[in-house]
């Protein structure tokens, strides 16, 4: 993932014209908002370290663990079935064995397709959650931009060189956690992935 905000922000005019100054908020380093024309943010870090991102990561990791366990169980069952089928081969009519073997192969292919679809569903949900996060984060980042009297927020990893003092990743995480929490809304159990099954 190459930055959740990659390609979103534009313009770097004035970046090196003057050093950033800071708003008078000394409660903690994370709450300091630089006063600068251009701000930077590491959107991957912002997402991963936010309560929202941590919650999604935990949920998807749990789903992946369930799928992995299911895949291992299915593989063990199919391996045993294949072993039994091979053992029966000598005493069977070749045509009858071929029919059974073809049916087994067809079932294996279908199971593989179904399991791969489950894996893709998890990835689709991961992407949707990232997009939902960016939509929810946009007003908060806009507020930070106004507070900093900035014209633009750039993805940090897309910049060749930037003053570290204009990075607002930490303060953005703090604001996101305060206003979004873990991103759950009332009545939402974050089970939208089930719609893809």
C-alpha atoms as a PDB file:
ATOM      1  CA  UNK A   1       0.000   0.000   0.000  1.00  0.00           C
ATOM      2  CA  UNK A   2       1.614   3.199  -1.210  1.00  0.00           C
ATOM      3  CA  UNK A   3       0.124   5.807   1.106  1.00  0.00           C
ATOM      4  CA  UNK A   4      -3.613   6.101   1.535  1.00  0.00           C
ATOM      5  CA  UNK A   5      -3.492   9.715   0.391  1.00  0.00           C
ATOM      6  CA  UNK A   6      -1.157   9.153  -2.554  1.00  0.00           C
ATOM      7  CA  UNK A   7      -2.084  11.480  -5.379  1.00  0.00           C
ATOM      8  CA  UNK A   8      -4.748  13.298  -3.345  1.00  0.00           C
ATOM      9  CA  UNK A   9      -2.893  16.465  -2.342  1.00  0.00           C
ATOM     10  CA  UNK A  10      -1.340  18.825  -4.872  1.00  0.00           C
ATOM     11  CA  UNK A  11       1.018  21.797  -4.769  1.00  0.00           C
ATOM     12  CA  UNK A  12       4.299  22.376  -2.989  1.00  0.00           C
ATOM     13  CA  UNK A  13       4.742  26.109  -3.532  1.00  0.00           C
ATOM     14  CA  UNK A  14       6.394  27.863  -0.638  1.00  0.00           C
ATOM     15  CA  UNK A  15       7.568  24.667   1.044  1.00  0.00           C
ATOM     16  CA  UNK A  16      11.112  25.851   1.599  1.00  0.00           C
ATOM     17  CA  UNK A  17      10.436  29.565   1.718  1.00  0.00           C
ATOM     18  CA  UNK A  18      10.114  29.833   5.496  1.00  0.00           C
ATOM     19  CA  UNK A  19      10.471  27.492   8.484  1.00  0.00           C
ATOM     20  CA  UNK A  20       7.297  26.343  10.178  1.00  0.00           C
ATOM     21  CA  UNK A  21       6.165  28.024  13.382  1.00  0.00           C
ATOM     22  CA  UNK A  22       3.839  26.425  15.888  1.00  0.00           C
ATOM     23  CA  UNK A  23       0.488  27.136  17.454  1.00  0.00           C
ATOM     24  CA  UNK A  24       0.577  27.804  21.180  1.00  0.00           C
ATOM     25  CA  UNK A  25      -0.530  24.346  22.285  1.00  0.00           C
ATOM     26  CA  UNK A  26       2.028  22.802  24.602  1.00  0.00           C
ATOM     27  CA  UNK A  27      -0.077  20.092  26.200  1.00  0.00           C
ATOM     28  CA  UNK A  28       2.007  17.390  24.490  1.00  0.00           C
ATOM     29  CA  UNK A  29       4.238  17.045  21.421  1.00  0.00           C
ATOM     30  CA  UNK A  30       1.396  15.159  19.705  1.00  0.00           C
ATOM     31  CA  UNK A  31      -0.953  18.133  20.062  1.00  0.00           C
ATOM     32  CA  UNK A  32       1.402  20.724  18.532  1.00  0.00           C
ATOM     33  CA  UNK A  33       0.134  21.971  15.186  1.00  0.00           C
ATOM     34  CA  UNK A  34       2.764  23.631  12.983  1.00  0.00           C
ATOM     35  CA  UNK A  35       1.928  26.899  11.251  1.00  0.00           C
ATOM     36  CA  UNK A  36       3.085  26.322   7.679  1.00  0.00           C
ATOM     37  CA  UNK A  37       1.857  26.679   4.106  1.00  0.00           C
ATOM     38  CA  UNK A  38       2.378  22.966   3.478  1.00  0.00           C
ATOM     39  CA  UNK A  39       1.851  20.074   5.887  1.00  0.00           C
ATOM     40  CA  UNK A  40       2.820  16.427   5.498  1.00  0.00           C
ATOM     41  CA  UNK A  41       1.244  13.261   6.835  1.00  0.00           C
ATOM     42  CA  UNK A  42       2.120   9.575   6.667  1.00  0.00           C
ATOM     43  CA  UNK A  43      -1.333   8.214   5.944  1.00  0.00           C
ATOM     44  CA  UNK A  44      -0.294   4.572   6.382  1.00  0.00           C
ATOM     45  CA  UNK A  45       1.013   5.281   9.883  1.00  0.00           C
ATOM     46  CA  UNK A  46      -2.011   7.480  10.605  1.00  0.00           C
ATOM     47  CA  UNK A  47      -4.314   4.606   9.672  1.00  0.00           C
ATOM     48  CA  UNK A  48      -2.340   1.783  11.280  1.00  0.00           C
ATOM     49  CA  UNK A  49      -1.864   3.544  14.617  1.00  0.00           C
ATOM     50  CA  UNK A  50      -5.349   5.031  14.910  1.00  0.00           C
ATOM     51  CA  UNK A  51      -8.010   3.274  16.976  1.00  0.00           C
ATOM     52  CA  UNK A  52      -9.965   2.871  13.735  1.00  0.00           C
ATOM     53  CA  UNK A  53      -7.082   1.173  11.947  1.00  0.00           C
ATOM     54  CA  UNK A  54      -6.199  -1.001  14.935  1.00  0.00           C
ATOM     55  CA  UNK A  55      -9.793  -2.207  15.204  1.00  0.00           C
ATOM     56  CA  UNK A  56      -9.984  -3.055  11.498  1.00  0.00           C
ATOM     57  CA  UNK A  57      -6.591  -4.774  11.626  1.00  0.00           C
ATOM     58  CA  UNK A  58      -7.692  -6.950  14.538  1.00  0.00           C
ATOM     59  CA  UNK A  59     -10.982  -7.874  12.887  1.00  0.00           C
ATOM     60  CA  UNK A  60      -9.375  -8.779   9.581  1.00  0.00           C
ATOM     61  CA  UNK A  61      -6.579 -10.720  11.280  1.00  0.00           C
ATOM     62  CA  UNK A  62      -9.237 -12.763  13.093  1.00  0.00           C
ATOM     63  CA  UNK A  63     -11.047 -13.448   9.803  1.00  0.00           C
ATOM     64  CA  UNK A  64      -7.778 -14.436   8.139  1.00  0.00           C
ATOM     65  CA  UNK A  65      -6.943 -16.794  11.026  1.00  0.00           C
ATOM     66  CA  UNK A  66     -10.349 -18.481  10.688  1.00  0.00           C
ATOM     67  CA  UNK A  67      -9.862 -18.843   6.932  1.00  0.00           C
ATOM     68  CA  UNK A  68      -6.350 -20.241   7.375  1.00  0.00           C
ATOM     69  CA  UNK A  69      -7.591 -22.820   9.884  1.00  0.00           C
ATOM     70  CA  UNK A  70     -10.427 -23.739   7.507  1.00  0.00           C
ATOM     71  CA  UNK A  71      -7.971 -24.133   4.616  1.00  0.00           C
ATOM     72  CA  UNK A  72      -5.743 -26.404   6.695  1.00  0.00           C
ATOM     73  CA  UNK A  73      -8.715 -28.546   7.744  1.00  0.00           C
ATOM     74  CA  UNK A  74      -9.958 -28.841   4.164  1.00  0.00           C
ATOM     75  CA  UNK A  75      -6.491 -29.702   2.884  1.00  0.00           C
ATOM     76  CA  UNK A  76      -6.111 -32.449   5.486  1.00  0.00           C
ATOM     77  CA  UNK A  77      -9.532 -33.890   4.576  1.00  0.00           C
ATOM     78  CA  UNK A  78      -8.810 -33.816   0.853  1.00  0.00           C
ATOM     79  CA  UNK A  79      -5.381 -35.369   1.328  1.00  0.00           C
ATOM     80  CA  UNK A  80      -6.924 -38.223   3.299  1.00  0.00           C
ATOM     81  CA  UNK A  81      -9.670 -38.670   0.710  1.00  0.00           C
ATOM     82  CA  UNK A  82      -7.085 -38.759  -2.065  1.00  0.00           C
ATOM     83  CA  UNK A  83      -5.082 -41.344  -0.152  1.00  0.00           C
ATOM     84  CA  UNK A  84      -8.185 -43.553   0.236  1.00  0.00           C
ATOM     85  CA  UNK A  85      -9.056 -43.128  -3.426  1.00  0.00           C
ATOM     86  CA  UNK A  86      -5.544 -44.166  -4.470  1.00  0.00           C
ATOM     87  CA  UNK A  87      -5.746 -47.234  -2.225  1.00  0.00           C
ATOM     88  CA  UNK A  88      -9.002 -48.304  -3.938  1.00  0.00           C
ATOM     89  CA  UNK A  89      -7.600 -47.928  -7.435  1.00  0.00           C
ATOM     90  CA  UNK A  90      -6.189 -51.437  -7.912  1.00  0.00           C
ATOM     91  CA  UNK A  91      -9.479 -53.204  -7.245  1.00  0.00           C
ATOM     92  CA  UNK A  92     -11.614 -50.887  -9.368  1.00  0.00           C
ATOM     93  CA  UNK A  93     -12.635 -50.854 -12.992  1.00  0.00           C
ATOM     94  CA  UNK A  94     -10.463 -48.203 -14.701  1.00  0.00           C
ATOM     95  CA  UNK A  95     -13.478 -46.328 -16.088  1.00  0.00           C
ATOM     96  CA  UNK A  96     -15.217 -46.315 -12.719  1.00  0.00           C
ATOM     97  CA  UNK A  97     -12.032 -45.086 -11.044  1.00  0.00           C
ATOM     98  CA  UNK A  98     -11.590 -42.382 -13.688  1.00  0.00           C
ATOM     99  CA  UNK A  99     -15.111 -41.125 -13.084  1.00  0.00           C
ATOM    100  CA  UNK A 100     -14.571 -40.980  -9.316  1.00  0.00           C
ATOM    101  CA  UNK A 101     -11.150 -39.335  -9.751  1.00  0.00           C
ATOM    102  CA  UNK A 102     -12.571 -36.722 -12.142  1.00  0.00           C
ATOM    103  CA  UNK A 103     -15.378 -35.930  -9.707  1.00  0.00           C
ATOM    104  CA  UNK A 104     -12.806 -35.553  -6.929  1.00  0.00           C
ATOM    105  CA  UNK A 105     -10.670 -33.210  -9.055  1.00  0.00           C
ATOM    106  CA  UNK A 106     -13.727 -31.122  -9.945  1.00  0.00           C
ATOM    107  CA  UNK A 107     -14.639 -30.808  -6.272  1.00  0.00           C
ATOM    108  CA  UNK A 108     -11.068 -29.805  -5.378  1.00  0.00           C
ATOM    109  CA  UNK A 109     -11.119 -27.063  -8.032  1.00  0.00           C
ATOM    110  CA  UNK A 110     -14.489 -25.781  -6.787  1.00  0.00           C
ATOM    111  CA  UNK A 111     -13.296 -25.736  -3.180  1.00  0.00           C
ATOM    112  CA  UNK A 112     -10.172 -23.822  -4.218  1.00  0.00           C
ATOM    113  CA  UNK A 113     -12.304 -21.239  -6.049  1.00  0.00           C
ATOM    114  CA  UNK A 114     -14.561 -20.822  -3.003  1.00  0.00           C
ATOM    115  CA  UNK A 115     -11.648 -20.419  -0.593  1.00  0.00           C
ATOM    116  CA  UNK A 116      -9.867 -17.945  -2.875  1.00  0.00           C
ATOM    117  CA  UNK A 117     -13.094 -15.928  -3.069  1.00  0.00           C
ATOM    118  CA  UNK A 118     -13.227 -15.781   0.722  1.00  0.00           C
ATOM    119  CA  UNK A 119      -9.669 -14.446   0.730  1.00  0.00           C
ATOM    120  CA  UNK A 120     -10.571 -11.844  -1.900  1.00  0.00           C
ATOM    121  CA  UNK A 121     -13.596 -10.811   0.169  1.00  0.00           C
ATOM    122  CA  UNK A 122     -11.287 -10.039   3.084  1.00  0.00           C
ATOM    123  CA  UNK A 123      -9.093  -7.906   0.823  1.00  0.00           C
ATOM    124  CA  UNK A 124     -12.140  -6.091  -0.559  1.00  0.00           C
ATOM    125  CA  UNK A 125     -13.240  -5.324   2.972  1.00  0.00           C
ATOM    126  CA  UNK A 126      -9.728  -4.114   3.849  1.00  0.00           C
ATOM    127  CA  UNK A 127      -9.835  -1.696   0.905  1.00  0.00           C
ATOM    128  CA  UNK A 128     -13.330  -0.490   1.783  1.00  0.00           C
ATOM    129  CA  UNK A 129     -12.316   0.168   5.372  1.00  0.00           C
ATOM    130  CA  UNK A 130      -9.291   2.186   4.203  1.00  0.00           C
ATOM    131  CA  UNK A 131     -11.535   4.238   1.925  1.00  0.00           C
ATOM    132  CA  UNK A 132     -14.054   4.744   4.743  1.00  0.00           C
ATOM    133  CA  UNK A 133     -11.234   5.875   7.014  1.00  0.00           C
ATOM    134  CA  UNK A 134     -10.012   8.467   4.511  1.00  0.00           C
ATOM    135  CA  UNK A 135     -13.562   9.801   4.079  1.00  0.00           C
ATOM    136  CA  UNK A 136     -13.977  10.059   7.855  1.00  0.00           C
ATOM    137  CA  UNK A 137     -10.510  11.558   8.308  1.00  0.00           C
ATOM    138  CA  UNK A 138     -10.882  14.227   5.605  1.00  0.00           C
ATOM    139  CA  UNK A 139     -12.872  16.743   7.714  1.00  0.00           C
ATOM    140  CA  UNK A 140     -10.414  16.313  10.581  1.00  0.00           C
ATOM    141  CA  UNK A 141      -7.427  16.848   8.292  1.00  0.00           C
ATOM    142  CA  UNK A 142      -9.207  19.863   6.806  1.00  0.00           C
ATOM    143  CA  UNK A 143      -9.603  21.318  10.302  1.00  0.00           C
ATOM    144  CA  UNK A 144      -5.892  20.761  10.973  1.00  0.00           C
ATOM    145  CA  UNK A 145      -5.000  22.415   7.678  1.00  0.00           C
ATOM    146  CA  UNK A 146      -7.065  25.482   8.579  1.00  0.00           C
ATOM    147  CA  UNK A 147      -5.642  25.552  12.093  1.00  0.00           C
ATOM    148  CA  UNK A 148      -2.138  25.483  10.633  1.00  0.00           C
ATOM    149  CA  UNK A 149      -3.040  28.132   8.039  1.00  0.00           C
ATOM    150  CA  UNK A 150      -1.836  25.663   5.426  1.00  0.00           C
ATOM    151  CA  UNK A 151      -2.808  25.447   1.788  1.00  0.00           C
ATOM    152  CA  UNK A 152      -2.226  21.737   1.299  1.00  0.00           C
ATOM    153  CA  UNK A 153      -1.437  18.467   3.060  1.00  0.00           C
ATOM    154  CA  UNK A 154       0.968  16.210   1.180  1.00  0.00           C
ATOM    155  CA  UNK A 155       1.625  12.493   1.545  1.00  0.00           C
ATOM    156  CA  UNK A 156       5.012  12.419   3.289  1.00  0.00           C
ATOM    157  CA  UNK A 157       6.383   9.462   1.337  1.00  0.00           C
ATOM    158  CA  UNK A 158       5.709  11.274  -1.960  1.00  0.00           C
ATOM    159  CA  UNK A 159       8.043  14.136  -1.060  1.00  0.00           C
ATOM    160  CA  UNK A 160      11.751  14.034  -1.773  1.00  0.00           C
ATOM    161  CA  UNK A 161      12.642  16.421   1.058  1.00  0.00           C
ATOM    162  CA  UNK A 162      10.583  18.094   3.791  1.00  0.00           C
ATOM    163  CA  UNK A 163      11.096  19.725   7.172  1.00  0.00           C
ATOM    164  CA  UNK A 164      10.060  17.126   9.798  1.00  0.00           C
ATOM    165  CA  UNK A 165       8.392  19.877  11.811  1.00  0.00           C
ATOM    166  CA  UNK A 166       5.575  20.183   9.264  1.00  0.00           C
ATOM    167  CA  UNK A 167       4.548  16.536   9.711  1.00  0.00           C
ATOM    168  CA  UNK A 168       1.146  16.269  11.436  1.00  0.00           C
ATOM    169  CA  UNK A 169       0.837  12.477  11.602  1.00  0.00           C
ATOM    170  CA  UNK A 170       0.902  12.293  15.409  1.00  0.00           C
ATOM    171  CA  UNK A 171      -1.539  15.141  15.983  1.00  0.00           C
ATOM    172  CA  UNK A 172      -3.811  13.715  13.277  1.00  0.00           C
ATOM    173  CA  UNK A 173      -3.877  10.353  15.059  1.00  0.00           C
ATOM    174  CA  UNK A 174      -4.733  12.095  18.319  1.00  0.00           C
ATOM    175  CA  UNK A 175      -7.592  14.071  16.744  1.00  0.00           C
ATOM    176  CA  UNK A 176      -8.886  11.027  14.883  1.00  0.00           C
ATOM    177  CA  UNK A 177      -8.965   8.973  18.064  1.00  0.00           C
ATOM    178  CA  UNK A 178     -10.818  11.742  19.887  1.00  0.00           C
ATOM    179  CA  UNK A 179     -13.458  12.236  17.203  1.00  0.00           C
ATOM    180  CA  UNK A 180     -13.782   8.830  15.519  1.00  0.00           C
ATOM    181  CA  UNK A 181     -12.788   6.410  18.249  1.00  0.00           C
ATOM    182  CA  UNK A 182     -12.455   2.989  16.636  1.00  0.00           C
ATOM    183  CA  UNK A 183     -14.849   3.971  13.851  1.00  0.00           C
ATOM    184  CA  UNK A 184     -17.806   1.877  14.957  1.00  0.00           C
ATOM    185  CA  UNK A 185     -21.215   3.430  14.540  1.00  0.00           C
ATOM    186  CA  UNK A 186     -24.292   2.415  16.477  1.00  0.00           C
ATOM    187  CA  UNK A 187     -25.847  -0.699  15.005  1.00  0.00           C
ATOM    188  CA  UNK A 188     -22.779  -1.475  12.882  1.00  0.00           C
ATOM    189  CA  UNK A 189     -20.914  -4.687  13.642  1.00  0.00           C
ATOM    190  CA  UNK A 190     -18.531  -4.165  10.702  1.00  0.00           C
ATOM    191  CA  UNK A 191     -19.744  -7.318   8.991  1.00  0.00           C
ATOM    192  CA  UNK A 192     -20.104  -5.813   5.526  1.00  0.00           C
ATOM    193  CA  UNK A 193     -17.752  -8.473   4.197  1.00  0.00           C
ATOM    194  CA  UNK A 194     -20.581 -10.964   4.544  1.00  0.00           C
ATOM    195  CA  UNK A 195     -22.395  -9.228   1.713  1.00  0.00           C
ATOM    196  CA  UNK A 196     -19.692 -10.416  -0.672  1.00  0.00           C
ATOM    197  CA  UNK A 197     -20.007 -14.094   0.260  1.00  0.00           C
END
